[in-house]
């Protein structure tokens, strides 16, 4: 059995380069999609707080999020509610994205 070492090296090198480029591109695409999903969730939350849109968060999260927390008797102004609801979704997504980015 005759093994061509030069061809084997060329094949390994080409495969490595193609794999590296594909992995790099896949990571970039995954990050872009994650940002789009986060922006979309924040936009949904903002539009819901402005009473423009009604979002069924239970169905959207497929039951993963637990509904909870008793509301206080005093209600803050609407702009505060909008800001806090948008910040919570955006902040959670940003923190999760940062952890995932650092781990990946």
C-alpha atoms as a PDB file:
ATOM      1  CA  UNK A   1       0.000   0.000   0.000  1.00  0.00           C
ATOM      2  CA  UNK A   2       1.465   3.299  -1.153  1.00  0.00           C
ATOM      3  CA  UNK A   3       0.565   6.412   0.900  1.00  0.00           C
ATOM      4  CA  UNK A   4       1.209   9.817  -0.632  1.00  0.00           C
ATOM      5  CA  UNK A   5       2.250  11.917   2.375  1.00  0.00           C
ATOM      6  CA  UNK A   6       2.069  15.187   0.441  1.00  0.00           C
ATOM      7  CA  UNK A   7      -1.519  14.526  -0.633  1.00  0.00           C
ATOM      8  CA  UNK A   8      -2.436  13.455   2.908  1.00  0.00           C
ATOM      9  CA  UNK A   9      -0.993  16.687   4.312  1.00  0.00           C
ATOM     10  CA  UNK A  10      -2.786  18.747   1.673  1.00  0.00           C
ATOM     11  CA  UNK A  11      -6.087  17.023   2.482  1.00  0.00           C
ATOM     12  CA  UNK A  12      -5.630  17.503   6.223  1.00  0.00           C
ATOM     13  CA  UNK A  13      -4.659  21.145   5.800  1.00  0.00           C
ATOM     14  CA  UNK A  14      -7.545  21.885   3.462  1.00  0.00           C
ATOM     15  CA  UNK A  15      -9.996  20.162   5.803  1.00  0.00           C
ATOM     16  CA  UNK A  16      -8.637  22.114   8.754  1.00  0.00           C
ATOM     17  CA  UNK A  17      -8.931  25.449   6.979  1.00  0.00           C
ATOM     18  CA  UNK A  18     -12.452  24.714   5.720  1.00  0.00           C
ATOM     19  CA  UNK A  19     -13.460  23.532   9.214  1.00  0.00           C
ATOM     20  CA  UNK A  20     -12.028  26.650  10.851  1.00  0.00           C
ATOM     21  CA  UNK A  21     -13.764  28.971   8.389  1.00  0.00           C
ATOM     22  CA  UNK A  22     -17.041  27.086   8.768  1.00  0.00           C
ATOM     23  CA  UNK A  23     -16.802  27.146  12.583  1.00  0.00           C
ATOM     24  CA  UNK A  24     -15.992  30.849  12.595  1.00  0.00           C
ATOM     25  CA  UNK A  25     -18.889  31.630  10.255  1.00  0.00           C
ATOM     26  CA  UNK A  26     -21.287  29.422  12.231  1.00  0.00           C
ATOM     27  CA  UNK A  27     -20.350  31.203  15.459  1.00  0.00           C
ATOM     28  CA  UNK A  28     -20.871  34.608  13.848  1.00  0.00           C
ATOM     29  CA  UNK A  29     -24.237  33.563  12.391  1.00  0.00           C
ATOM     30  CA  UNK A  30     -25.314  32.123  15.744  1.00  0.00           C
ATOM     31  CA  UNK A  31     -24.398  35.374  17.501  1.00  0.00           C
ATOM     32  CA  UNK A  32     -26.309  37.406  14.929  1.00  0.00           C
ATOM     33  CA  UNK A  33     -29.402  35.217  15.327  1.00  0.00           C
ATOM     34  CA  UNK A  34     -29.134  35.468  19.134  1.00  0.00           C
ATOM     35  CA  UNK A  35     -29.023  39.257  18.920  1.00  0.00           C
ATOM     36  CA  UNK A  36     -32.041  39.293  16.603  1.00  0.00           C
ATOM     37  CA  UNK A  37     -34.031  37.081  18.982  1.00  0.00           C
ATOM     38  CA  UNK A  38     -33.100  39.276  21.942  1.00  0.00           C
ATOM     39  CA  UNK A  39     -34.058  42.468  20.136  1.00  0.00           C
ATOM     40  CA  UNK A  40     -37.336  40.874  19.060  1.00  0.00           C
ATOM     41  CA  UNK A  41     -38.173  39.808  22.632  1.00  0.00           C
ATOM     42  CA  UNK A  42     -37.349  43.269  23.958  1.00  0.00           C
ATOM     43  CA  UNK A  43     -39.494  44.847  21.231  1.00  0.00           C
ATOM     44  CA  UNK A  44     -42.385  42.506  22.041  1.00  0.00           C
ATOM     45  CA  UNK A  45     -42.124  43.397  25.732  1.00  0.00           C
ATOM     46  CA  UNK A  46     -42.016  47.119  24.979  1.00  0.00           C
ATOM     47  CA  UNK A  47     -44.988  46.976  22.595  1.00  0.00           C
ATOM     48  CA  UNK A  48     -46.906  44.955  25.166  1.00  0.00           C
ATOM     49  CA  UNK A  49     -46.162  47.506  27.890  1.00  0.00           C
ATOM     50  CA  UNK A  50     -47.479  50.240  25.587  1.00  0.00           C
ATOM     51  CA  UNK A  51     -50.650  48.151  25.034  1.00  0.00           C
ATOM     52  CA  UNK A  52     -50.002  47.982  21.297  1.00  0.00           C
ATOM     53  CA  UNK A  53     -49.459  44.228  21.247  1.00  0.00           C
ATOM     54  CA  UNK A  54     -50.625  41.304  23.370  1.00  0.00           C
ATOM     55  CA  UNK A  55     -48.057  38.530  23.770  1.00  0.00           C
ATOM     56  CA  UNK A  56     -48.869  35.109  25.199  1.00  0.00           C
ATOM     57  CA  UNK A  57     -45.574  34.672  27.069  1.00  0.00           C
ATOM     58  CA  UNK A  58     -46.616  31.256  28.386  1.00  0.00           C
ATOM     59  CA  UNK A  59     -47.050  29.923  24.871  1.00  0.00           C
ATOM     60  CA  UNK A  60     -43.969  31.763  23.574  1.00  0.00           C
ATOM     61  CA  UNK A  61     -41.762  30.279  26.279  1.00  0.00           C
ATOM     62  CA  UNK A  62     -43.436  26.859  25.913  1.00  0.00           C
ATOM     63  CA  UNK A  63     -44.176  26.819  29.632  1.00  0.00           C
ATOM     64  CA  UNK A  64     -40.530  27.217  30.697  1.00  0.00           C
ATOM     65  CA  UNK A  65     -41.051  30.460  32.557  1.00  0.00           C
ATOM     66  CA  UNK A  66     -43.018  30.426  35.767  1.00  0.00           C
ATOM     67  CA  UNK A  67     -45.641  33.082  36.221  1.00  0.00           C
ATOM     68  CA  UNK A  68     -45.367  34.547  39.639  1.00  0.00           C
ATOM     69  CA  UNK A  69     -45.049  37.414  41.982  1.00  0.00           C
ATOM     70  CA  UNK A  70     -47.827  39.345  43.574  1.00  0.00           C
ATOM     71  CA  UNK A  71     -48.308  42.860  42.267  1.00  0.00           C
ATOM     72  CA  UNK A  72     -48.070  45.749  44.679  1.00  0.00           C
ATOM     73  CA  UNK A  73     -51.105  47.891  45.365  1.00  0.00           C
ATOM     74  CA  UNK A  74     -49.544  51.123  44.104  1.00  0.00           C
ATOM     75  CA  UNK A  75     -48.964  51.362  40.363  1.00  0.00           C
ATOM     76  CA  UNK A  76     -46.007  53.288  38.971  1.00  0.00           C
ATOM     77  CA  UNK A  77     -46.342  55.608  35.954  1.00  0.00           C
ATOM     78  CA  UNK A  78     -46.617  53.855  32.601  1.00  0.00           C
ATOM     79  CA  UNK A  79     -43.186  54.969  31.396  1.00  0.00           C
ATOM     80  CA  UNK A  80     -41.567  53.384  34.462  1.00  0.00           C
ATOM     81  CA  UNK A  81     -43.411  50.132  33.813  1.00  0.00           C
ATOM     82  CA  UNK A  82     -42.358  50.193  30.155  1.00  0.00           C
ATOM     83  CA  UNK A  83     -38.735  50.860  31.050  1.00  0.00           C
ATOM     84  CA  UNK A  84     -38.565  48.170  33.719  1.00  0.00           C
ATOM     85  CA  UNK A  85     -40.278  45.502  31.632  1.00  0.00           C
ATOM     86  CA  UNK A  86     -38.045  46.199  28.644  1.00  0.00           C
ATOM     87  CA  UNK A  87     -34.906  46.367  30.783  1.00  0.00           C
ATOM     88  CA  UNK A  88     -35.625  43.044  32.485  1.00  0.00           C
ATOM     89  CA  UNK A  89     -35.943  41.107  29.233  1.00  0.00           C
ATOM     90  CA  UNK A  90     -33.051  42.946  27.579  1.00  0.00           C
ATOM     91  CA  UNK A  91     -30.825  42.700  30.648  1.00  0.00           C
ATOM     92  CA  UNK A  92     -31.489  38.994  31.083  1.00  0.00           C
ATOM     93  CA  UNK A  93     -30.791  38.345  27.442  1.00  0.00           C
ATOM     94  CA  UNK A  94     -27.618  40.456  27.539  1.00  0.00           C
ATOM     95  CA  UNK A  95     -26.332  38.634  30.627  1.00  0.00           C
ATOM     96  CA  UNK A  96     -27.107  35.229  29.137  1.00  0.00           C
ATOM     97  CA  UNK A  97     -25.551  36.222  25.830  1.00  0.00           C
ATOM     98  CA  UNK A  98     -22.391  37.440  27.590  1.00  0.00           C
ATOM     99  CA  UNK A  99     -22.053  34.182  29.541  1.00  0.00           C
ATOM    100  CA  UNK A 100     -22.613  32.149  26.374  1.00  0.00           C
ATOM    101  CA  UNK A 101     -20.171  34.275  24.430  1.00  0.00           C
ATOM    102  CA  UNK A 102     -17.473  33.900  27.067  1.00  0.00           C
ATOM    103  CA  UNK A 103     -18.034  30.153  27.339  1.00  0.00           C
ATOM    104  CA  UNK A 104     -18.082  29.659  23.571  1.00  0.00           C
END
